[in-house]
């Protein structure tokens, strides 16, 4: 694999849930790529399909959900075609996931050292002492003081922020080439969040690890990511370099998301908000899924919009994109 090839390339990914009520197209034709050492922010409201995209990449979609189409090329290999055993070899080793709730990673009845040593030895033939040293070094890397003492503790003896740091340390144990992070700092206070984001950026820059950071928090993405993809109703509606998208959003949905961030509003002004609700994925309207909530919608929006390059390096799924600089949020 060449050094310039992306670590991950997702092409037309479709993850559907086959329920009694009908087929829920949670992820419907999503495509993006993540370069070596780059962080891509995947943003959108709850229910937009961003977390299901992350679970699809790492092979953790439970029935009745399954990948119904598309490819997930990790260093040239299609993850969607691998067996469960082959995925297990990759997962936690070359690909890692950091969950929103650290207790999805940590076993409450085992000491931290037991869990970390087992994780190291699951993928590498090393002695227990070497595995312990690796665990100690990784805890230090995520800013946990007195790692030797902390290794002997149980998860309940840690604060929420510390538990999340341990979960992040476990994800980093094997220096994976790709990390999928599903809102891992949402429950943490701002200072701890800032420290973890700084560590993550440093890790990607120094080791070449690629990362997908799934979040609804645009302020986190603004300071962390290189690129951004905005999801709505199972599809990507806009993507591009993070500064360009946040400074001059093209899609009306991205425009609305940025406009509803308090810091973007003038003091004393009412908060802007996107009217209406996200449509049910079981019963999406024809054409653009956002048109019922969109101030720019016209009869033309009954036609299905396609993802197209509207400005150099900037794609959006919209017939009426924001192109006038005076309209930017």
C-alpha atoms as a PDB file:
ATOM      1  CA  UNK A   1       0.000   0.000   0.000  1.00  0.00           C
ATOM      2  CA  UNK A   2       1.392   3.401  -0.941  1.00  0.00           C
ATOM      3  CA  UNK A   3       1.948   6.057   1.720  1.00  0.00           C
ATOM      4  CA  UNK A   4      -0.478   8.370  -0.083  1.00  0.00           C
ATOM      5  CA  UNK A   5      -3.388   5.892  -0.211  1.00  0.00           C
ATOM      6  CA  UNK A   6      -6.091   6.533   2.414  1.00  0.00           C
ATOM      7  CA  UNK A   7      -6.099   4.290   5.484  1.00  0.00           C
ATOM      8  CA  UNK A   8      -9.862   3.875   5.127  1.00  0.00           C
ATOM      9  CA  UNK A   9     -12.104   4.306   2.126  1.00  0.00           C
ATOM     10  CA  UNK A  10     -15.857   3.813   2.561  1.00  0.00           C
ATOM     11  CA  UNK A  11     -17.772   3.479  -0.713  1.00  0.00           C
ATOM     12  CA  UNK A  12     -21.563   3.588  -0.971  1.00  0.00           C
ATOM     13  CA  UNK A  13     -22.031   1.944   2.445  1.00  0.00           C
ATOM     14  CA  UNK A  14     -25.580   0.775   3.173  1.00  0.00           C
ATOM     15  CA  UNK A  15     -26.476  -0.571   6.607  1.00  0.00           C
ATOM     16  CA  UNK A  16     -30.133  -1.509   6.939  1.00  0.00           C
ATOM     17  CA  UNK A  17     -32.207  -2.777   9.864  1.00  0.00           C
ATOM     18  CA  UNK A  18     -34.841  -5.302   8.823  1.00  0.00           C
ATOM     19  CA  UNK A  19     -37.668  -4.786  11.325  1.00  0.00           C
ATOM     20  CA  UNK A  20     -41.304  -5.938  11.417  1.00  0.00           C
ATOM     21  CA  UNK A  21     -42.382  -2.396  10.638  1.00  0.00           C
ATOM     22  CA  UNK A  22     -40.162  -2.287   7.542  1.00  0.00           C
ATOM     23  CA  UNK A  23     -36.585  -1.655   6.456  1.00  0.00           C
ATOM     24  CA  UNK A  24     -34.781   1.167   8.283  1.00  0.00           C
ATOM     25  CA  UNK A  25     -32.014   2.530   6.057  1.00  0.00           C
ATOM     26  CA  UNK A  26     -29.837   3.773   8.939  1.00  0.00           C
ATOM     27  CA  UNK A  27     -26.874   4.289   6.593  1.00  0.00           C
ATOM     28  CA  UNK A  28     -27.857   4.829   2.978  1.00  0.00           C
ATOM     29  CA  UNK A  29     -25.063   5.221   0.449  1.00  0.00           C
ATOM     30  CA  UNK A  30     -22.331   6.812   2.578  1.00  0.00           C
ATOM     31  CA  UNK A  31     -18.892   7.423   1.022  1.00  0.00           C
ATOM     32  CA  UNK A  32     -15.769   9.065   2.490  1.00  0.00           C
ATOM     33  CA  UNK A  33     -12.070   8.422   3.007  1.00  0.00           C
ATOM     34  CA  UNK A  34      -9.622   9.075   5.856  1.00  0.00           C
ATOM     35  CA  UNK A  35      -5.944   9.695   5.114  1.00  0.00           C
ATOM     36  CA  UNK A  36      -2.979   8.487   7.157  1.00  0.00           C
ATOM     37  CA  UNK A  37      -2.585  10.529  10.354  1.00  0.00           C
ATOM     38  CA  UNK A  38      -5.803  12.460   9.658  1.00  0.00           C
ATOM     39  CA  UNK A  39      -8.868  13.012  11.853  1.00  0.00           C
ATOM     40  CA  UNK A  40     -12.276  13.058  10.187  1.00  0.00           C
ATOM     41  CA  UNK A  41     -15.239  14.452  12.111  1.00  0.00           C
ATOM     42  CA  UNK A  42     -18.551  12.711  11.433  1.00  0.00           C
ATOM     43  CA  UNK A  43     -21.305  14.994  12.722  1.00  0.00           C
ATOM     44  CA  UNK A  44     -25.092  15.148  12.823  1.00  0.00           C
ATOM     45  CA  UNK A  45     -28.118  14.996  15.115  1.00  0.00           C
ATOM     46  CA  UNK A  46     -29.102  11.885  17.075  1.00  0.00           C
ATOM     47  CA  UNK A  47     -30.498   9.328  14.654  1.00  0.00           C
ATOM     48  CA  UNK A  48     -28.579  10.656  11.640  1.00  0.00           C
ATOM     49  CA  UNK A  49     -26.719   7.348  11.224  1.00  0.00           C
ATOM     50  CA  UNK A  50     -23.265   8.466  12.360  1.00  0.00           C
ATOM     51  CA  UNK A  51     -22.839   5.856  15.138  1.00  0.00           C
ATOM     52  CA  UNK A  52     -24.191   3.059  12.917  1.00  0.00           C
ATOM     53  CA  UNK A  53     -21.565   4.080  10.329  1.00  0.00           C
ATOM     54  CA  UNK A  54     -18.873   3.643  13.008  1.00  0.00           C
ATOM     55  CA  UNK A  55     -20.244   0.272  14.155  1.00  0.00           C
ATOM     56  CA  UNK A  56     -20.424  -0.880  10.504  1.00  0.00           C
ATOM     57  CA  UNK A  57     -16.741  -0.109   9.955  1.00  0.00           C
ATOM     58  CA  UNK A  58     -15.664  -2.090  13.005  1.00  0.00           C
ATOM     59  CA  UNK A  59     -18.097  -4.956  12.326  1.00  0.00           C
ATOM     60  CA  UNK A  60     -20.320  -4.544  15.393  1.00  0.00           C
ATOM     61  CA  UNK A  61     -23.779  -4.142  13.819  1.00  0.00           C
ATOM     62  CA  UNK A  62     -26.195  -6.457  15.640  1.00  0.00           C
ATOM     63  CA  UNK A  63     -29.213  -8.178  14.039  1.00  0.00           C
ATOM     64  CA  UNK A  64     -31.687  -7.212  12.679  1.00  0.00           C
ATOM     65  CA  UNK A  65     -29.119  -4.797  11.222  1.00  0.00           C
ATOM     66  CA  UNK A  66     -26.640  -5.789   8.550  1.00  0.00           C
ATOM     67  CA  UNK A  67     -24.457  -4.262   5.860  1.00  0.00           C
ATOM     68  CA  UNK A  68     -26.655  -4.439   2.765  1.00  0.00           C
ATOM     69  CA  UNK A  69     -24.211  -2.995   0.239  1.00  0.00           C
ATOM     70  CA  UNK A  70     -21.064  -1.036  -0.448  1.00  0.00           C
ATOM     71  CA  UNK A  71     -17.462  -1.587   0.606  1.00  0.00           C
ATOM     72  CA  UNK A  72     -15.256  -0.605   3.552  1.00  0.00           C
ATOM     73  CA  UNK A  73     -11.662  -0.654   2.313  1.00  0.00           C
ATOM     74  CA  UNK A  74      -9.138  -0.667   5.158  1.00  0.00           C
ATOM     75  CA  UNK A  75      -5.599  -0.501   3.742  1.00  0.00           C
ATOM     76  CA  UNK A  76      -7.016  -1.981   0.541  1.00  0.00           C
ATOM     77  CA  UNK A  77      -8.924  -4.882   2.161  1.00  0.00           C
ATOM     78  CA  UNK A  78     -12.745  -4.911   2.190  1.00  0.00           C
ATOM     79  CA  UNK A  79     -13.845  -5.282   5.828  1.00  0.00           C
ATOM     80  CA  UNK A  80     -17.427  -5.968   4.744  1.00  0.00           C
ATOM     81  CA  UNK A  81     -16.282  -9.266   3.205  1.00  0.00           C
ATOM     82  CA  UNK A  82     -14.226 -10.560   6.167  1.00  0.00           C
ATOM     83  CA  UNK A  83     -15.408 -13.382   8.414  1.00  0.00           C
ATOM     84  CA  UNK A  84     -16.146 -12.741  12.102  1.00  0.00           C
ATOM     85  CA  UNK A  85     -12.861 -14.475  13.009  1.00  0.00           C
ATOM     86  CA  UNK A  86     -10.845 -12.279  10.628  1.00  0.00           C
ATOM     87  CA  UNK A  87     -12.568  -9.160  12.003  1.00  0.00           C
ATOM     88  CA  UNK A  88     -11.757 -10.257  15.563  1.00  0.00           C
ATOM     89  CA  UNK A  89      -8.051 -10.413  14.642  1.00  0.00           C
ATOM     90  CA  UNK A  90      -8.211  -6.840  13.313  1.00  0.00           C
ATOM     91  CA  UNK A  91     -10.475  -5.395  16.026  1.00  0.00           C
ATOM     92  CA  UNK A  92      -8.520  -4.116  19.012  1.00  0.00           C
ATOM     93  CA  UNK A  93      -5.287  -4.678  17.128  1.00  0.00           C
ATOM     94  CA  UNK A  94      -5.086  -2.680  13.872  1.00  0.00           C
ATOM     95  CA  UNK A  95      -8.548  -1.108  14.275  1.00  0.00           C
ATOM     96  CA  UNK A  96      -9.870   0.106  17.643  1.00  0.00           C
ATOM     97  CA  UNK A  97     -13.081   1.676  18.868  1.00  0.00           C
ATOM     98  CA  UNK A  98     -13.613   4.067  21.759  1.00  0.00           C
ATOM     99  CA  UNK A  99     -17.210   3.980  23.004  1.00  0.00           C
ATOM    100  CA  UNK A 100     -19.278   6.776  24.514  1.00  0.00           C
ATOM    101  CA  UNK A 101     -19.677   4.757  27.732  1.00  0.00           C
ATOM    102  CA  UNK A 102     -16.329   3.471  29.058  1.00  0.00           C
ATOM    103  CA  UNK A 103     -18.135   0.620  30.816  1.00  0.00           C
ATOM    104  CA  UNK A 104     -18.763  -0.882  27.358  1.00  0.00           C
ATOM    105  CA  UNK A 105     -14.984  -1.413  27.283  1.00  0.00           C
ATOM    106  CA  UNK A 106     -14.235  -2.138  30.954  1.00  0.00           C
ATOM    107  CA  UNK A 107     -15.249  -5.216  32.944  1.00  0.00           C
ATOM    108  CA  UNK A 108     -16.393  -3.996  36.403  1.00  0.00           C
ATOM    109  CA  UNK A 109     -15.137  -7.109  38.269  1.00  0.00           C
ATOM    110  CA  UNK A 110     -11.579  -7.230  36.898  1.00  0.00           C
ATOM    111  CA  UNK A 111      -8.628  -5.070  37.864  1.00  0.00           C
ATOM    112  CA  UNK A 112      -7.343  -2.651  35.221  1.00  0.00           C
ATOM    113  CA  UNK A 113      -4.011  -4.513  34.882  1.00  0.00           C
ATOM    114  CA  UNK A 114      -5.802  -7.824  34.224  1.00  0.00           C
ATOM    115  CA  UNK A 115      -7.887  -6.240  31.467  1.00  0.00           C
ATOM    116  CA  UNK A 116      -5.000  -4.409  29.802  1.00  0.00           C
ATOM    117  CA  UNK A 117      -2.566  -7.330  29.991  1.00  0.00           C
ATOM    118  CA  UNK A 118      -5.194  -9.670  28.492  1.00  0.00           C
ATOM    119  CA  UNK A 119      -5.786  -7.177  25.675  1.00  0.00           C
ATOM    120  CA  UNK A 120      -2.053  -7.004  24.845  1.00  0.00           C
ATOM    121  CA  UNK A 121      -1.602 -10.789  24.965  1.00  0.00           C
ATOM    122  CA  UNK A 122      -4.694 -11.421  22.815  1.00  0.00           C
ATOM    123  CA  UNK A 123      -2.826 -10.040  19.789  1.00  0.00           C
ATOM    124  CA  UNK A 124       0.890 -10.245  20.671  1.00  0.00           C
ATOM    125  CA  UNK A 125       3.039 -13.110  21.957  1.00  0.00           C
ATOM    126  CA  UNK A 126       4.751 -11.273  24.819  1.00  0.00           C
ATOM    127  CA  UNK A 127       5.479 -12.029  28.462  1.00  0.00           C
ATOM    128  CA  UNK A 128       3.133 -10.796  31.186  1.00  0.00           C
ATOM    129  CA  UNK A 129       5.817  -8.363  32.377  1.00  0.00           C
ATOM    130  CA  UNK A 130       6.212  -6.877  28.868  1.00  0.00           C
ATOM    131  CA  UNK A 131       2.423  -6.569  28.586  1.00  0.00           C
ATOM    132  CA  UNK A 132       2.310  -4.845  31.996  1.00  0.00           C
ATOM    133  CA  UNK A 133       5.003  -2.381  30.891  1.00  0.00           C
ATOM    134  CA  UNK A 134       3.022  -1.609  27.728  1.00  0.00           C
ATOM    135  CA  UNK A 135      -0.132  -1.052  29.825  1.00  0.00           C
ATOM    136  CA  UNK A 136       1.756   1.239  32.243  1.00  0.00           C
ATOM    137  CA  UNK A 137       3.238   3.297  29.378  1.00  0.00           C
ATOM    138  CA  UNK A 138      -0.143   3.693  27.673  1.00  0.00           C
ATOM    139  CA  UNK A 139      -1.859   4.864  30.863  1.00  0.00           C
ATOM    140  CA  UNK A 140       0.870   7.486  31.193  1.00  0.00           C
ATOM    141  CA  UNK A 141       0.288   8.531  27.567  1.00  0.00           C
ATOM    142  CA  UNK A 142      -3.363   9.469  28.284  1.00  0.00           C
ATOM    143  CA  UNK A 143      -2.365  11.499  31.339  1.00  0.00           C
ATOM    144  CA  UNK A 144      -3.219   9.098  34.188  1.00  0.00           C
ATOM    145  CA  UNK A 145      -0.965   9.883  37.190  1.00  0.00           C
ATOM    146  CA  UNK A 146       0.706   7.062  39.207  1.00  0.00           C
ATOM    147  CA  UNK A 147       0.036   4.416  36.532  1.00  0.00           C
ATOM    148  CA  UNK A 148       1.557   1.599  38.653  1.00  0.00           C
ATOM    149  CA  UNK A 149      -0.978   2.164  41.426  1.00  0.00           C
ATOM    150  CA  UNK A 150      -3.832   2.731  38.999  1.00  0.00           C
ATOM    151  CA  UNK A 151      -3.194  -0.603  37.281  1.00  0.00           C
ATOM    152  CA  UNK A 152      -4.099  -2.375  40.544  1.00  0.00           C
ATOM    153  CA  UNK A 153      -7.450  -0.566  40.869  1.00  0.00           C
ATOM    154  CA  UNK A 154     -10.923  -1.655  39.762  1.00  0.00           C
ATOM    155  CA  UNK A 155     -13.063   0.470  37.366  1.00  0.00           C
ATOM    156  CA  UNK A 156     -15.413   1.613  40.165  1.00  0.00           C
ATOM    157  CA  UNK A 157     -12.441   3.260  41.920  1.00  0.00           C
ATOM    158  CA  UNK A 158     -12.038   5.704  39.010  1.00  0.00           C
ATOM    159  CA  UNK A 159     -14.027   8.850  38.207  1.00  0.00           C
ATOM    160  CA  UNK A 160     -15.950   8.924  34.920  1.00  0.00           C
ATOM    161  CA  UNK A 161     -13.194  10.937  33.247  1.00  0.00           C
ATOM    162  CA  UNK A 162     -10.502   8.541  34.462  1.00  0.00           C
ATOM    163  CA  UNK A 163     -12.521   5.527  33.284  1.00  0.00           C
ATOM    164  CA  UNK A 164     -12.808   7.059  29.836  1.00  0.00           C
ATOM    165  CA  UNK A 165      -9.045   7.670  29.802  1.00  0.00           C
ATOM    166  CA  UNK A 166      -8.477   3.988  30.628  1.00  0.00           C
ATOM    167  CA  UNK A 167     -10.851   2.999  27.793  1.00  0.00           C
ATOM    168  CA  UNK A 168      -8.889   5.268  25.424  1.00  0.00           C
ATOM    169  CA  UNK A 169      -5.609   3.769  26.683  1.00  0.00           C
ATOM    170  CA  UNK A 170      -6.927   0.259  25.904  1.00  0.00           C
ATOM    171  CA  UNK A 171      -7.794   1.417  22.367  1.00  0.00           C
ATOM    172  CA  UNK A 172      -4.218   2.707  21.972  1.00  0.00           C
ATOM    173  CA  UNK A 173      -2.446  -0.393  23.343  1.00  0.00           C
ATOM    174  CA  UNK A 174      -1.583  -1.832  19.927  1.00  0.00           C
ATOM    175  CA  UNK A 175      -0.951   1.506  18.196  1.00  0.00           C
ATOM    176  CA  UNK A 176      -3.823   0.842  15.760  1.00  0.00           C
ATOM    177  CA  UNK A 177      -3.823   2.266  12.242  1.00  0.00           C
ATOM    178  CA  UNK A 178      -7.472   3.321  12.620  1.00  0.00           C
ATOM    179  CA  UNK A 179      -9.521   4.431  15.640  1.00  0.00           C
ATOM    180  CA  UNK A 180     -13.291   4.927  15.519  1.00  0.00           C
ATOM    181  CA  UNK A 181     -14.280   7.209  18.427  1.00  0.00           C
ATOM    182  CA  UNK A 182     -18.020   7.397  19.168  1.00  0.00           C
ATOM    183  CA  UNK A 183     -18.613  10.595  21.211  1.00  0.00           C
ATOM    184  CA  UNK A 184     -15.982   9.527  23.780  1.00  0.00           C
ATOM    185  CA  UNK A 185     -15.680  12.886  25.548  1.00  0.00           C
ATOM    186  CA  UNK A 186     -19.380  13.869  25.687  1.00  0.00           C
ATOM    187  CA  UNK A 187     -19.787  13.028  29.382  1.00  0.00           C
ATOM    188  CA  UNK A 188     -16.475  14.577  30.481  1.00  0.00           C
ATOM    189  CA  UNK A 189     -15.883  18.037  31.870  1.00  0.00           C
ATOM    190  CA  UNK A 190     -14.346  20.580  29.524  1.00  0.00           C
ATOM    191  CA  UNK A 191     -10.805  20.572  30.967  1.00  0.00           C
ATOM    192  CA  UNK A 192     -10.501  16.760  30.811  1.00  0.00           C
ATOM    193  CA  UNK A 193     -12.040  16.841  27.331  1.00  0.00           C
ATOM    194  CA  UNK A 194      -9.433  19.365  26.210  1.00  0.00           C
ATOM    195  CA  UNK A 195      -6.565  17.230  27.548  1.00  0.00           C
ATOM    196  CA  UNK A 196      -7.851  14.097  25.812  1.00  0.00           C
ATOM    197  CA  UNK A 197      -8.375  15.936  22.514  1.00  0.00           C
ATOM    198  CA  UNK A 198      -4.801  17.254  22.692  1.00  0.00           C
ATOM    199  CA  UNK A 199      -3.478  13.700  23.326  1.00  0.00           C
ATOM    200  CA  UNK A 200      -5.506  12.339  20.404  1.00  0.00           C
ATOM    201  CA  UNK A 201      -4.185  14.998  18.021  1.00  0.00           C
ATOM    202  CA  UNK A 202      -0.618  14.329  19.139  1.00  0.00           C
ATOM    203  CA  UNK A 203      -1.089  10.579  18.690  1.00  0.00           C
ATOM    204  CA  UNK A 204      -2.390  10.931  15.124  1.00  0.00           C
ATOM    205  CA  UNK A 205       0.379  13.367  14.174  1.00  0.00           C
ATOM    206  CA  UNK A 206       3.219  11.257  15.633  1.00  0.00           C
ATOM    207  CA  UNK A 207       2.111   7.688  14.822  1.00  0.00           C
ATOM    208  CA  UNK A 208       0.158   8.168  11.581  1.00  0.00           C
ATOM    209  CA  UNK A 209      -2.986   6.711  13.164  1.00  0.00           C
ATOM    210  CA  UNK A 210      -6.169   7.716  11.325  1.00  0.00           C
ATOM    211  CA  UNK A 211      -9.284   8.573  13.314  1.00  0.00           C
ATOM    212  CA  UNK A 212     -13.008   8.986  12.783  1.00  0.00           C
ATOM    213  CA  UNK A 213     -14.425  11.195  15.544  1.00  0.00           C
ATOM    214  CA  UNK A 214     -18.212  10.796  15.757  1.00  0.00           C
ATOM    215  CA  UNK A 215     -19.953  13.642  17.562  1.00  0.00           C
ATOM    216  CA  UNK A 216     -22.820  16.148  17.538  1.00  0.00           C
ATOM    217  CA  UNK A 217     -20.515  18.814  19.033  1.00  0.00           C
ATOM    218  CA  UNK A 218     -19.237  21.138  16.310  1.00  0.00           C
ATOM    219  CA  UNK A 219     -16.883  22.958  18.698  1.00  0.00           C
ATOM    220  CA  UNK A 220     -14.960  19.710  19.338  1.00  0.00           C
ATOM    221  CA  UNK A 221     -14.684  18.960  15.618  1.00  0.00           C
ATOM    222  CA  UNK A 222     -13.553  22.536  14.877  1.00  0.00           C
ATOM    223  CA  UNK A 223     -10.458  22.142  17.049  1.00  0.00           C
ATOM    224  CA  UNK A 224      -9.690  18.474  16.364  1.00  0.00           C
ATOM    225  CA  UNK A 225     -10.561  17.346  12.836  1.00  0.00           C
ATOM    226  CA  UNK A 226      -8.892  17.907   9.468  1.00  0.00           C
ATOM    227  CA  UNK A 227     -12.022  17.073   7.477  1.00  0.00           C
ATOM    228  CA  UNK A 228     -15.712  16.915   8.282  1.00  0.00           C
ATOM    229  CA  UNK A 229     -18.675  14.946   6.941  1.00  0.00           C
ATOM    230  CA  UNK A 230     -22.178  16.078   7.970  1.00  0.00           C
ATOM    231  CA  UNK A 231     -24.863  13.368   8.139  1.00  0.00           C
ATOM    232  CA  UNK A 232     -28.622  13.730   7.953  1.00  0.00           C
ATOM    233  CA  UNK A 233     -31.217  10.914   7.755  1.00  0.00           C
ATOM    234  CA  UNK A 234     -28.646   8.230   6.931  1.00  0.00           C
ATOM    235  CA  UNK A 235     -26.764  10.171   4.275  1.00  0.00           C
ATOM    236  CA  UNK A 236     -23.819  12.522   4.064  1.00  0.00           C
ATOM    237  CA  UNK A 237     -25.137  15.926   2.994  1.00  0.00           C
ATOM    238  CA  UNK A 238     -21.852  17.854   3.030  1.00  0.00           C
ATOM    239  CA  UNK A 239     -18.134  17.169   3.352  1.00  0.00           C
ATOM    240  CA  UNK A 240     -14.869  19.047   3.011  1.00  0.00           C
ATOM    241  CA  UNK A 241     -12.003  20.574   4.997  1.00  0.00           C
ATOM    242  CA  UNK A 242     -13.254  21.401   8.496  1.00  0.00           C
ATOM    243  CA  UNK A 243     -12.405  25.132   8.447  1.00  0.00           C
ATOM    244  CA  UNK A 244     -14.028  25.671   5.054  1.00  0.00           C
ATOM    245  CA  UNK A 245     -17.243  23.829   5.966  1.00  0.00           C
ATOM    246  CA  UNK A 246     -17.632  25.614   9.314  1.00  0.00           C
ATOM    247  CA  UNK A 247     -16.740  29.049   7.900  1.00  0.00           C
ATOM    248  CA  UNK A 248     -18.874  28.780   4.768  1.00  0.00           C
ATOM    249  CA  UNK A 249     -21.397  25.918   4.936  1.00  0.00           C
ATOM    250  CA  UNK A 250     -23.007  24.997   1.633  1.00  0.00           C
ATOM    251  CA  UNK A 251     -25.899  22.782   2.720  1.00  0.00           C
ATOM    252  CA  UNK A 252     -28.851  24.457   4.511  1.00  0.00           C
ATOM    253  CA  UNK A 253     -28.730  21.725   7.191  1.00  0.00           C
ATOM    254  CA  UNK A 254     -25.059  22.445   7.998  1.00  0.00           C
ATOM    255  CA  UNK A 255     -25.939  26.160   7.951  1.00  0.00           C
ATOM    256  CA  UNK A 256     -28.700  25.511  10.512  1.00  0.00           C
ATOM    257  CA  UNK A 257     -26.481  23.347  12.721  1.00  0.00           C
ATOM    258  CA  UNK A 258     -23.805  26.043  12.895  1.00  0.00           C
ATOM    259  CA  UNK A 259     -26.397  28.779  13.403  1.00  0.00           C
ATOM    260  CA  UNK A 260     -27.821  26.963  16.441  1.00  0.00           C
ATOM    261  CA  UNK A 261     -24.456  26.993  18.296  1.00  0.00           C
ATOM    262  CA  UNK A 262     -24.790  29.673  21.050  1.00  0.00           C
ATOM    263  CA  UNK A 263     -21.371  31.253  20.418  1.00  0.00           C
ATOM    264  CA  UNK A 264     -22.395  32.008  16.827  1.00  0.00           C
ATOM    265  CA  UNK A 265     -25.304  34.218  17.893  1.00  0.00           C
ATOM    266  CA  UNK A 266     -24.948  37.901  18.735  1.00  0.00           C
ATOM    267  CA  UNK A 267     -25.417  38.728  22.413  1.00  0.00           C
ATOM    268  CA  UNK A 268     -29.096  39.228  23.279  1.00  0.00           C
ATOM    269  CA  UNK A 269     -30.340  37.609  20.065  1.00  0.00           C
ATOM    270  CA  UNK A 270     -32.695  34.624  20.203  1.00  0.00           C
ATOM    271  CA  UNK A 271     -31.001  31.309  19.378  1.00  0.00           C
ATOM    272  CA  UNK A 272     -31.570  30.242  15.815  1.00  0.00           C
ATOM    273  CA  UNK A 273     -32.880  26.734  15.444  1.00  0.00           C
ATOM    274  CA  UNK A 274     -33.825  24.283  12.711  1.00  0.00           C
ATOM    275  CA  UNK A 275     -37.623  23.955  12.625  1.00  0.00           C
ATOM    276  CA  UNK A 276     -39.375  20.586  12.744  1.00  0.00           C
ATOM    277  CA  UNK A 277     -38.068  17.097  13.503  1.00  0.00           C
ATOM    278  CA  UNK A 278     -35.801  14.610  11.757  1.00  0.00           C
ATOM    279  CA  UNK A 279     -38.044  12.434   9.547  1.00  0.00           C
ATOM    280  CA  UNK A 280     -38.567   8.758  10.387  1.00  0.00           C
ATOM    281  CA  UNK A 281     -36.079   6.574   8.511  1.00  0.00           C
ATOM    282  CA  UNK A 282     -38.944   4.111   8.001  1.00  0.00           C
ATOM    283  CA  UNK A 283     -40.907   6.689   6.067  1.00  0.00           C
ATOM    284  CA  UNK A 284     -38.585   9.181   4.400  1.00  0.00           C
ATOM    285  CA  UNK A 285     -40.225  11.739   2.108  1.00  0.00           C
ATOM    286  CA  UNK A 286     -39.393  11.508  -1.616  1.00  0.00           C
ATOM    287  CA  UNK A 287     -36.502  13.657  -2.819  1.00  0.00           C
ATOM    288  CA  UNK A 288     -34.418  15.626  -0.328  1.00  0.00           C
ATOM    289  CA  UNK A 289     -34.984  14.326   3.227  1.00  0.00           C
ATOM    290  CA  UNK A 290     -34.371  17.835   4.623  1.00  0.00           C
ATOM    291  CA  UNK A 291     -36.827  19.746   2.419  1.00  0.00           C
ATOM    292  CA  UNK A 292     -39.695  19.883   4.959  1.00  0.00           C
ATOM    293  CA  UNK A 293     -37.387  21.774   7.359  1.00  0.00           C
ATOM    294  CA  UNK A 294     -35.436  23.786   4.797  1.00  0.00           C
ATOM    295  CA  UNK A 295     -35.980  27.542   4.247  1.00  0.00           C
ATOM    296  CA  UNK A 296     -34.589  27.239   0.696  1.00  0.00           C
ATOM    297  CA  UNK A 297     -36.761  24.316  -0.450  1.00  0.00           C
ATOM    298  CA  UNK A 298     -38.618  24.532  -3.758  1.00  0.00           C
ATOM    299  CA  UNK A 299     -40.626  22.137  -5.934  1.00  0.00           C
ATOM    300  CA  UNK A 300     -37.334  21.049  -7.519  1.00  0.00           C
ATOM    301  CA  UNK A 301     -36.359  19.440  -4.187  1.00  0.00           C
ATOM    302  CA  UNK A 302     -38.879  16.629  -4.789  1.00  0.00           C
ATOM    303  CA  UNK A 303     -36.166  15.231  -7.096  1.00  0.00           C
ATOM    304  CA  UNK A 304     -33.443  13.219  -5.343  1.00  0.00           C
ATOM    305  CA  UNK A 305     -30.362  15.467  -4.900  1.00  0.00           C
ATOM    306  CA  UNK A 306     -26.981  13.854  -5.577  1.00  0.00           C
ATOM    307  CA  UNK A 307     -23.662  14.461  -3.854  1.00  0.00           C
ATOM    308  CA  UNK A 308     -21.741  16.814  -6.133  1.00  0.00           C
ATOM    309  CA  UNK A 309     -18.603  18.963  -6.004  1.00  0.00           C
ATOM    310  CA  UNK A 310     -19.982  22.496  -5.676  1.00  0.00           C
ATOM    311  CA  UNK A 311     -16.691  24.261  -4.852  1.00  0.00           C
ATOM    312  CA  UNK A 312     -13.142  22.860  -5.235  1.00  0.00           C
ATOM    313  CA  UNK A 313     -12.759  20.084  -2.627  1.00  0.00           C
ATOM    314  CA  UNK A 314     -16.281  20.763  -1.312  1.00  0.00           C
ATOM    315  CA  UNK A 315     -19.197  18.401  -1.882  1.00  0.00           C
ATOM    316  CA  UNK A 316     -22.847  18.826  -0.906  1.00  0.00           C
ATOM    317  CA  UNK A 317     -26.138  17.034  -1.574  1.00  0.00           C
ATOM    318  CA  UNK A 318     -28.266  20.089  -2.400  1.00  0.00           C
ATOM    319  CA  UNK A 319     -30.032  21.770  -5.327  1.00  0.00           C
ATOM    320  CA  UNK A 320     -29.973  25.197  -3.589  1.00  0.00           C
ATOM    321  CA  UNK A 321     -26.615  25.436  -1.771  1.00  0.00           C
ATOM    322  CA  UNK A 322     -25.479  28.578   0.085  1.00  0.00           C
ATOM    323  CA  UNK A 323     -22.976  30.130  -2.322  1.00  0.00           C
ATOM    324  CA  UNK A 324     -23.269  33.815  -1.450  1.00  0.00           C
ATOM    325  CA  UNK A 325     -20.614  34.842   1.111  1.00  0.00           C
ATOM    326  CA  UNK A 326     -23.103  37.159   2.806  1.00  0.00           C
ATOM    327  CA  UNK A 327     -25.265  34.140   3.707  1.00  0.00           C
ATOM    328  CA  UNK A 328     -22.537  32.281   5.573  1.00  0.00           C
ATOM    329  CA  UNK A 329     -23.284  31.552   9.216  1.00  0.00           C
END
